[in-house]
Amino acid sequence: MKAVLGALTAVRRFHSRGTPSWIGAAGPRRLLVIRTGIGPERVRAALANVDIARTGARWLLSTGCAGALVPDLDAGAMVVATRVVDDRGAVIGRPLDAPAQALERWARAREIVTHPGAFVSVARPLLSAAEKRAAHEQLGGIAVEMEGAALAAAAAERGVPFLAVRVILDGVGVAVPDFGDARDLRSLAGAVARHPAALGRAARLWPAQRTARAALERFLRAFFAVTGFGALELAEAAEVPESRAGS
């Protein structure tokens, strides 16, 4: 979240029925930023609390961290979804090849490296290297996250373009901590007591977290600075009428 807000200006925070949200500026455009929380259920709850239709939003961007499912992606690598699949391999929402290709062209022109491929969107985290490798073998994805399927479905339901861009936090060989459903300091303390090994795994991820956050903020600053890309080129790539694009 800090990486996203750090890439915007004139940021103003507000709450919509308990869901933390912000309005920020990117050039002449205004962006609504919603912190959904982790997992599909929290995404759906956040979207129920924030009436996106009333905001006039014309496209939806899913961003944040992801885990790698292939060995050539390390912390800080930027990945772009060509499709979002669930843990059974079903494609959720629209195929994203066209907007992913548009983004790759935009990034290449600015010497920014992006890695296109399928995102596997799961309901529970893949904690071990073995689980991540198995997900790649079974589903063919390059990255795993937990919110994309719900967001892709929401974009399809609303008929707006969707783009998923994430930064790799943990490589495919890195085990990640299991803090269960911890949402605040009290529940986090309980989770650490139940899973003490998770604290050590979390500590080992701190340098990667700094790397990932810096890479994501650099990418978003460049992305948000291009006034025409999000509104026009993305809309054209997604094959929606130009009158529905922009802000």
Protein backbone atom coordinates (compact mmCIF):
# COMPACT_ATOMS: atom_id res chain seq x y z
CA MET A 1 0.00 0.00 0.00
CA LYS A 2 2.83 2.41 0.83
CA ALA A 3 4.32 1.83 -2.63
CA VAL A 4 1.03 2.72 -4.32
CA LEU A 5 0.38 5.83 -2.25
CA GLY A 6 4.01 6.89 -2.58
CA ALA A 7 3.56 7.03 -6.36
CA LEU A 8 0.63 9.49 -6.10
CA THR A 9 0.31 13.12 -5.08
CA ALA A 10 -2.32 15.02 -3.08
CA VAL A 11 -3.36 11.83 -1.31
CA ARG A 12 -6.45 12.07 0.89
CA ARG A 13 -7.70 9.23 3.07
CA PHE A 14 -11.29 8.34 3.80
CA HIS A 15 -13.23 5.35 5.12
CA SER A 16 -16.15 3.77 3.36
CA ARG A 17 -18.04 1.57 5.81
CA GLY A 18 -14.82 0.47 7.44
CA THR A 19 -12.76 -0.15 4.29
CA PRO A 20 -9.60 2.02 4.23
CA SER A 21 -9.50 3.98 0.97
CA TRP A 22 -7.61 6.91 -0.48
CA ILE A 23 -7.96 9.38 -3.35
CA GLY A 24 -4.72 10.45 -5.02
CA ALA A 25 -3.62 12.32 -8.13
CA ALA A 26 -1.61 10.97 -11.06
CA GLY A 27 -1.10 13.89 -13.39
CA PRO A 28 -4.57 15.14 -14.37
CA ARG A 29 -6.24 11.90 -13.30
CA ARG A 30 -7.58 11.01 -9.89
CA LEU A 31 -7.25 7.46 -8.63
CA LEU A 32 -9.24 5.64 -5.99
CA VAL A 33 -7.05 3.30 -3.94
CA ILE A 34 -8.72 0.57 -1.87
CA ARG A 35 -6.91 -1.62 0.66
CA THR A 36 -8.83 -4.83 0.26
CA GLY A 37 -6.90 -7.00 2.67
CA ILE A 38 -5.63 -10.49 1.88
CA GLY A 39 -7.77 -13.12 0.19
CA PRO A 40 -10.88 -13.25 -1.98
CA GLU A 41 -13.41 -12.91 0.83
CA ARG A 42 -11.87 -9.65 2.01
CA VAL A 43 -11.76 -8.37 -1.57
CA ARG A 44 -15.47 -9.02 -2.01
CA ALA A 45 -16.23 -7.39 1.35
CA ALA A 46 -14.15 -4.31 0.46
CA LEU A 47 -15.83 -3.94 -2.92
CA ALA A 48 -19.23 -4.24 -1.25
CA ASN A 49 -18.26 -1.39 1.09
CA VAL A 50 -17.00 0.93 -1.66
CA ASP A 51 -19.48 1.71 -4.42
CA ILE A 52 -17.07 1.77 -7.35
CA ALA A 53 -19.82 2.58 -9.83
CA ARG A 54 -20.58 5.85 -8.04
CA THR A 55 -16.91 6.89 -8.22
CA GLY A 56 -16.98 6.80 -12.02
CA ALA A 57 -13.96 4.46 -12.17
CA ARG A 58 -13.28 3.42 -15.75
CA TRP A 59 -10.67 0.68 -15.21
CA LEU A 60 -9.40 -1.52 -12.40
CA LEU A 61 -5.78 -2.20 -11.47
CA SER A 62 -4.76 -5.01 -9.13
CA THR A 63 -1.33 -4.49 -7.62
CA GLY A 64 0.80 -5.47 -4.66
CA CYS A 65 3.11 -8.41 -3.97
CA ALA A 66 3.10 -11.96 -5.33
CA GLY A 67 5.07 -15.15 -4.92
CA ALA A 68 7.09 -16.61 -7.78
CA LEU A 69 6.14 -19.96 -9.28
CA VAL A 70 9.11 -20.17 -11.66
CA PRO A 71 12.82 -20.04 -10.80
CA ASP A 72 13.84 -16.98 -12.84
CA LEU A 73 11.81 -14.50 -10.79
CA ASP A 74 13.42 -12.97 -7.70
CA ALA A 75 12.33 -10.28 -5.25
CA GLY A 76 11.69 -7.04 -7.11
CA ALA A 77 10.74 -8.59 -10.47
CA MET A 78 7.63 -7.04 -12.01
CA VAL A 79 5.04 -9.51 -13.31
CA VAL A 80 2.02 -8.74 -15.50
CA ALA A 81 -0.99 -11.04 -15.81
CA THR A 82 -1.95 -12.40 -19.22
CA ARG A 83 -4.81 -14.19 -17.47
CA VAL A 84 -5.95 -14.91 -13.92
CA VAL A 85 -6.75 -18.52 -13.02
CA ASP A 86 -8.12 -20.00 -9.83
CA ASP A 87 -6.68 -23.00 -8.01
CA ARG A 88 -8.60 -25.32 -10.36
CA GLY A 89 -7.21 -23.70 -13.48
CA ALA A 90 -10.40 -21.89 -14.51
CA VAL A 91 -9.81 -18.50 -16.16
CA ILE A 92 -11.50 -15.75 -14.16
CA GLY A 93 -12.74 -12.67 -15.98
CA ARG A 94 -11.47 -11.71 -19.41
CA PRO A 95 -8.19 -12.88 -20.99
CA LEU A 96 -5.60 -10.16 -20.44
CA ASP A 97 -3.16 -10.80 -23.28
CA ALA A 98 -3.91 -7.52 -25.10
CA PRO A 99 -3.49 -5.13 -22.14
CA ALA A 100 -0.46 -7.15 -20.94
CA GLN A 101 1.17 -6.77 -24.36
CA ALA A 102 0.39 -3.04 -24.38
CA LEU A 103 1.98 -2.68 -20.97
CA GLU A 104 5.04 -4.68 -22.04
CA ARG A 105 5.54 -2.38 -25.05
CA TRP A 106 5.17 0.67 -22.82
CA ALA A 107 7.66 -0.73 -20.29
CA ARG A 108 10.20 -1.81 -22.90
CA ALA A 109 10.24 1.68 -24.38
CA ARG A 110 11.28 2.94 -20.94
CA GLU A 111 13.80 0.15 -20.30
CA ILE A 112 11.58 -1.37 -17.63
CA VAL A 113 11.62 -5.16 -17.49
CA THR A 114 8.29 -6.91 -17.04
CA HIS A 115 7.46 -10.62 -17.07
CA PRO A 116 4.08 -11.56 -18.59
CA GLY A 117 2.28 -14.75 -17.67
CA ALA A 118 -0.67 -16.28 -15.86
CA PHE A 119 -1.39 -15.40 -12.24
CA VAL A 120 -2.65 -18.19 -10.02
CA SER A 121 -5.13 -16.68 -7.55
CA VAL A 122 -5.66 -18.89 -4.51
CA ALA A 123 -7.90 -18.84 -1.45
CA ARG A 124 -5.14 -19.95 0.92
CA PRO A 125 -1.42 -19.12 0.73
CA LEU A 126 1.13 -21.47 -0.81
CA LEU A 127 3.63 -21.67 2.03
CA SER A 128 6.33 -24.04 0.83
CA ALA A 129 8.57 -24.30 -2.20
CA ALA A 130 6.99 -27.67 -2.99
CA GLU A 131 3.49 -26.14 -3.06
CA LYS A 132 4.62 -23.36 -5.38
CA ARG A 133 6.37 -25.72 -7.78
CA ALA A 134 3.31 -27.98 -7.84
CA ALA A 135 1.06 -25.01 -8.64
CA HIS A 136 3.22 -24.15 -11.63
CA GLU A 137 3.25 -27.73 -12.89
CA GLN A 138 -0.52 -28.11 -12.53
CA LEU A 139 -1.72 -24.64 -13.51
CA GLY A 140 1.09 -23.12 -15.57
CA GLY A 141 1.24 -19.79 -13.75
CA ILE A 142 4.32 -17.67 -13.16
CA ALA A 143 3.11 -15.97 -9.95
CA VAL A 144 0.71 -16.64 -7.11
CA GLU A 145 -1.44 -14.17 -5.20
CA MET A 146 -4.79 -14.18 -3.40
CA GLU A 147 -6.89 -11.28 -4.65
CA GLY A 148 -6.72 -11.26 -8.46
CA ALA A 149 -9.56 -13.69 -9.12
CA ALA A 150 -12.08 -11.69 -7.10
CA LEU A 151 -10.92 -8.42 -8.67
CA ALA A 152 -10.93 -9.83 -12.22
CA ALA A 153 -14.45 -11.12 -11.68
CA ALA A 154 -15.56 -7.72 -10.36
CA ALA A 155 -14.09 -5.94 -13.39
CA ALA A 156 -15.84 -8.34 -15.76
CA GLU A 157 -19.15 -7.87 -13.96
CA ARG A 158 -18.82 -4.09 -14.25
CA GLY A 159 -17.63 -4.21 -17.88
CA VAL A 160 -14.42 -2.25 -17.22
CA PRO A 161 -10.85 -3.01 -18.35
CA PHE A 162 -8.71 -4.88 -15.86
CA LEU A 163 -4.94 -5.02 -15.41
CA ALA A 164 -2.91 -6.96 -12.83
CA VAL A 165 0.68 -5.86 -12.15
CA ARG A 166 2.54 -7.19 -9.14
CA VAL A 167 6.04 -7.35 -7.74
CA ILE A 168 7.64 -10.59 -6.64
CA LEU A 169 8.31 -10.82 -2.91
CA ASP A 170 9.28 -14.47 -2.41
CA GLY A 171 11.07 -16.62 -4.96
CA VAL A 172 9.80 -20.07 -5.81
CA GLY A 173 12.28 -21.70 -3.43
CA VAL A 174 11.41 -19.44 -0.48
CA ALA A 175 9.04 -20.67 2.24
CA VAL A 176 6.70 -17.99 3.52
CA PRO A 177 5.32 -17.51 7.06
CA ASP A 178 1.91 -18.75 8.10
CA PHE A 179 0.21 -16.19 10.33
CA GLY A 180 -3.23 -17.63 9.74
CA ASP A 181 -5.98 -15.01 9.68
CA ALA A 182 -4.09 -12.41 11.73
CA ARG A 183 -5.45 -8.91 11.15
CA ASP A 184 -4.09 -6.84 14.04
CA LEU A 185 -1.32 -6.94 16.65
CA ARG A 186 -3.31 -9.03 19.12
CA SER A 187 -4.24 -11.71 16.58
CA LEU A 188 -0.71 -11.57 15.15
CA ALA A 189 0.75 -12.29 18.60
CA GLY A 190 -1.54 -15.29 18.88
CA ALA A 191 -0.52 -16.52 15.44
CA VAL A 192 3.18 -16.27 16.33
CA ALA A 193 2.55 -18.24 19.51
CA ARG A 194 0.85 -20.98 17.49
CA HIS A 195 3.40 -20.94 14.67
CA PRO A 196 6.75 -19.78 16.14
CA ALA A 197 8.70 -20.84 13.04
CA ALA A 198 6.72 -18.28 11.05
CA LEU A 199 8.48 -15.41 12.80
CA GLY A 200 11.88 -16.56 11.55
CA ARG A 201 10.55 -16.94 8.02
CA ALA A 202 9.07 -13.44 8.18
CA ALA A 203 12.39 -11.97 9.35
CA ARG A 204 14.19 -13.57 6.41
CA LEU A 205 11.72 -11.87 4.06
CA TRP A 206 12.32 -8.34 5.37
CA PRO A 207 15.18 -7.51 2.94
CA ALA A 208 13.09 -8.88 0.07
CA GLN A 209 10.15 -6.77 1.22
CA ARG A 210 12.25 -3.60 1.02
CA THR A 211 13.45 -4.57 -2.45
CA ALA A 212 9.94 -5.36 -3.64
CA ARG A 213 8.43 -2.16 -2.27
CA ALA A 214 11.09 0.02 -3.90
CA ALA A 215 10.67 -1.74 -7.25
CA LEU A 216 6.89 -1.44 -7.19
CA GLU A 217 6.99 2.24 -6.28
CA ARG A 218 9.46 2.98 -9.10
CA PHE A 219 7.23 1.16 -11.57
CA LEU A 220 4.03 2.87 -10.42
CA ARG A 221 5.61 6.33 -10.50
CA ALA A 222 6.51 5.78 -14.14
CA PHE A 223 3.13 4.21 -14.94
CA PHE A 224 1.08 6.94 -13.30
CA ALA A 225 3.20 9.66 -14.88
CA VAL A 226 2.07 8.71 -18.39
CA THR A 227 -1.23 10.52 -18.71
CA GLY A 228 -2.48 8.70 -21.79
CA PHE A 229 -1.54 5.10 -21.04
CA GLY A 230 -4.02 4.16 -18.40
CA ALA A 231 -6.94 5.88 -20.10
CA LEU A 232 -6.40 5.42 -23.82
CA GLU A 233 -3.84 2.74 -24.65
CA LEU A 234 -5.14 0.35 -22.02
CA ALA A 235 -8.71 0.86 -23.19
CA GLU A 236 -7.69 0.27 -26.82
CA ALA A 237 -5.77 -2.86 -25.87
CA ALA A 238 -8.71 -4.17 -23.89
CA GLU A 239 -10.99 -3.50 -26.88
CA VAL A 240 -13.50 -1.32 -25.06
CA PRO A 241 -14.96 1.91 -26.48
CA GLU A 242 -12.76 4.96 -25.87
CA SER A 243 -15.76 6.81 -24.43
CA ARG A 244 -15.63 4.45 -21.44
CA ALA A 245 -11.95 5.03 -20.80
CA GLY A 246 -10.14 7.78 -19.00
CA SER A 247 -10.95 9.58 -15.82
